[in-house]
Structures are given as structure tokens and as C-alpha cells.
Amino acid sequence: MKFTEEHEWLREEDGLIVVGITEHASEQLGDVVFVELPEVGMEVTRDEEICVIESVKAASDILSPLDGEIVEVNSAIVDEPSKVNEDPMGDAWFFKIKASDLSPMDDYMDEAEYKDFIG
């Protein structure tokens, strides 16, 4: 698993990259009340804003960590945004990307580096 400075996690699964937000981000946001996900089939580029999360405290954009195509989204978190607070590192993933290039994964932090990053 890798982590971005924007508090997203990335996990490789069956050749796809699954993306969600970290527990730290979920705690910082507070109660999540709305999630807007990208459309399946959408071509995305790294650092493009493709999701919106709204909580009782703030609204945040989720950036695409890689170039590629969105091949699946987790509509369960649209129906029940509170799942993002309940299981941010598990069932509350946001989307899956078929990455056109996996080399940027090397730029992201591993778990120990991320823990140091958030202090």
C-alpha cells in the first residue's frame, strides 16, 4: 500500500489500483455527509480533481494519483457517506484505476513514511 501527501491510499489489486482516503483524513474531515465519484470509463490524469467529499467541517477534492481510466467506483459510499468514517481503509474505497503507467507509484510514501508525514 502507498500513500499520497493528500492523504489518499493506493493498493494494487488484480492489476488495478484501488484508491481511498486514509483514516487520518477521515478523522480530520469529521462526519462525511456527501461523496461525488467520477464516472466509470472516465480518462483521468495525475493530480486531476475527480471526486468531492463533503463533511460537516469542510469540502475536499480527491485527486487522481495516476494517469489512466476509471474502471469501477464504490457507489455504496455515495448511498451511505458515513461508511467513509467507519472503514476508510477497507470497504470505503473510492474508485479503481486501470493505470497507463505505474511508475508514479514509486513516488508515493510507504506506511512508515506516511506515519512520519502525519506525525
Protein backbone atom coordinates (compact mmCIF):
# COMPACT_ATOMS: atom_id res chain seq x y z
CA MET A 1 0.00 0.00 0.00
CA LYS A 2 1.19 3.51 -0.85
CA PHE A 3 0.12 6.92 0.43
CA THR A 4 -0.01 10.41 -1.08
CA GLU A 5 0.58 13.74 0.66
CA GLU A 6 -3.11 14.42 0.00
CA HIS A 7 -3.93 11.55 2.42
CA GLU A 8 -5.06 9.06 -0.20
CA TRP A 9 -4.08 5.40 -0.08
CA LEU A 10 -3.39 3.26 -3.13
CA ARG A 11 -3.46 -0.52 -3.21
CA GLU A 12 -2.72 -2.75 -6.21
CA GLU A 13 -5.42 -5.39 -6.70
CA ASP A 14 -5.74 -7.66 -9.73
CA GLY A 15 -3.77 -5.27 -11.94
CA LEU A 16 -5.88 -2.28 -10.90
CA ILE A 17 -5.13 0.48 -8.38
CA VAL A 18 -7.76 0.88 -5.67
CA VAL A 19 -7.89 4.39 -4.15
CA GLY A 20 -9.40 5.70 -0.92
CA ILE A 21 -8.66 8.19 1.83
CA THR A 22 -6.69 7.42 4.96
CA GLU A 23 -8.00 7.05 8.48
CA HIS A 24 -6.18 10.28 9.35
CA ALA A 25 -8.02 12.15 6.58
CA SER A 26 -11.34 10.68 7.64
CA GLU A 27 -10.75 11.79 11.23
CA GLN A 28 -9.70 15.28 10.12
CA LEU A 29 -12.80 15.68 7.95
CA GLY A 30 -15.27 14.66 10.62
CA ASP A 31 -18.63 13.18 9.67
CA VAL A 32 -18.74 12.70 5.91
CA VAL A 33 -22.16 13.66 4.55
CA PHE A 34 -21.68 13.61 0.75
CA VAL A 35 -19.41 11.90 -1.77
CA GLU A 36 -19.32 12.56 -5.52
CA LEU A 37 -17.37 9.97 -7.50
CA PRO A 38 -16.01 10.05 -11.07
CA GLU A 39 -17.80 8.21 -13.86
CA VAL A 40 -16.72 4.75 -14.94
CA GLY A 41 -14.85 5.00 -18.24
CA MET A 42 -13.52 8.48 -17.49
CA GLU A 43 -9.92 9.07 -18.58
CA VAL A 44 -8.02 10.81 -15.78
CA THR A 45 -4.62 12.39 -15.38
CA ARG A 46 -2.43 12.53 -12.31
CA ASP A 47 -3.37 15.34 -9.89
CA GLU A 48 -6.71 15.97 -11.65
CA GLU A 49 -9.60 16.66 -9.25
CA ILE A 50 -12.03 13.81 -9.79
CA CYS A 51 -14.02 13.38 -6.55
CA VAL A 52 -15.62 15.65 -3.99
CA ILE A 53 -16.11 14.81 -0.32
CA GLU A 54 -18.18 16.97 1.96
CA SER A 55 -18.21 16.68 5.71
CA VAL A 56 -19.76 18.68 8.49
CA LYS A 57 -16.45 20.60 8.66
CA ALA A 58 -15.34 21.10 5.05
CA ALA A 59 -15.41 20.06 1.42
CA SER A 60 -12.35 18.40 -0.11
CA ASP A 61 -11.32 17.33 -3.57
CA ILE A 62 -9.79 13.95 -4.24
CA LEU A 63 -7.06 13.93 -6.87
CA SER A 64 -6.29 11.16 -9.28
CA PRO A 65 -2.95 9.71 -8.16
CA LEU A 66 -2.19 8.26 -11.60
CA ASP A 67 -2.98 8.59 -15.29
CA GLY A 68 -5.47 6.04 -16.53
CA GLU A 69 -9.11 5.05 -16.80
CA ILE A 70 -11.67 4.78 -14.01
CA VAL A 71 -12.94 1.21 -14.27
CA GLU A 72 -15.06 0.92 -11.11
CA VAL A 73 -16.47 3.21 -8.42
CA ASN A 74 -17.80 2.37 -4.97
CA SER A 75 -21.40 3.55 -5.18
CA ALA A 76 -22.05 2.21 -1.66
CA ILE A 77 -20.29 5.28 -0.23
CA VAL A 78 -22.49 7.59 -2.30
CA ASP A 79 -25.56 5.96 -0.77
CA GLU A 80 -24.01 5.89 2.72
CA PRO A 81 -21.23 8.51 3.04
CA SER A 82 -20.78 7.62 6.73
CA LYS A 83 -19.02 4.42 5.58
CA VAL A 84 -16.00 6.66 4.82
CA ASN A 85 -15.72 7.34 8.55
CA GLU A 86 -16.43 3.75 9.57
CA ASP A 87 -13.94 1.91 7.33
CA PRO A 88 -11.83 4.37 5.28
CA MET A 89 -9.01 1.90 4.65
CA GLY A 90 -11.26 -1.02 3.72
CA ASP A 91 -14.82 -1.15 2.38
CA ALA A 92 -15.00 2.61 1.81
CA TRP A 93 -12.60 2.73 -1.15
CA PHE A 94 -13.50 5.37 -3.75
CA PHE A 95 -12.53 4.15 -7.22
CA LYS A 96 -10.35 1.75 -9.19
CA ILE A 97 -7.98 2.94 -11.92
CA LYS A 98 -6.52 0.96 -14.78
CA ALA A 99 -3.26 2.90 -14.77
CA SER A 100 -1.50 3.65 -18.03
CA ASP A 101 1.80 3.91 -16.15
CA LEU A 102 2.55 2.51 -12.69
CA SER A 103 5.95 4.20 -12.28
CA PRO A 104 4.50 7.16 -10.29
CA MET A 105 3.64 4.62 -7.57
CA ASP A 106 7.34 4.71 -6.68
CA ASP A 107 6.99 8.41 -5.79
CA TYR A 108 4.42 7.76 -3.08
CA MET A 109 5.10 7.00 0.59
CA ASP A 110 5.03 3.59 2.21
CA GLU A 111 3.18 3.16 5.51
CA ALA A 112 6.16 4.08 7.73
CA GLU A 113 6.88 7.21 5.69
CA TYR A 114 3.22 8.21 5.82
CA LYS A 115 3.13 7.79 9.61
CA ASP A 116 6.16 10.08 9.87
CA PHE A 117 4.46 12.53 7.48
CA ILE A 118 1.33 12.87 9.62
CA GLY A 119 3.40 12.94 12.81
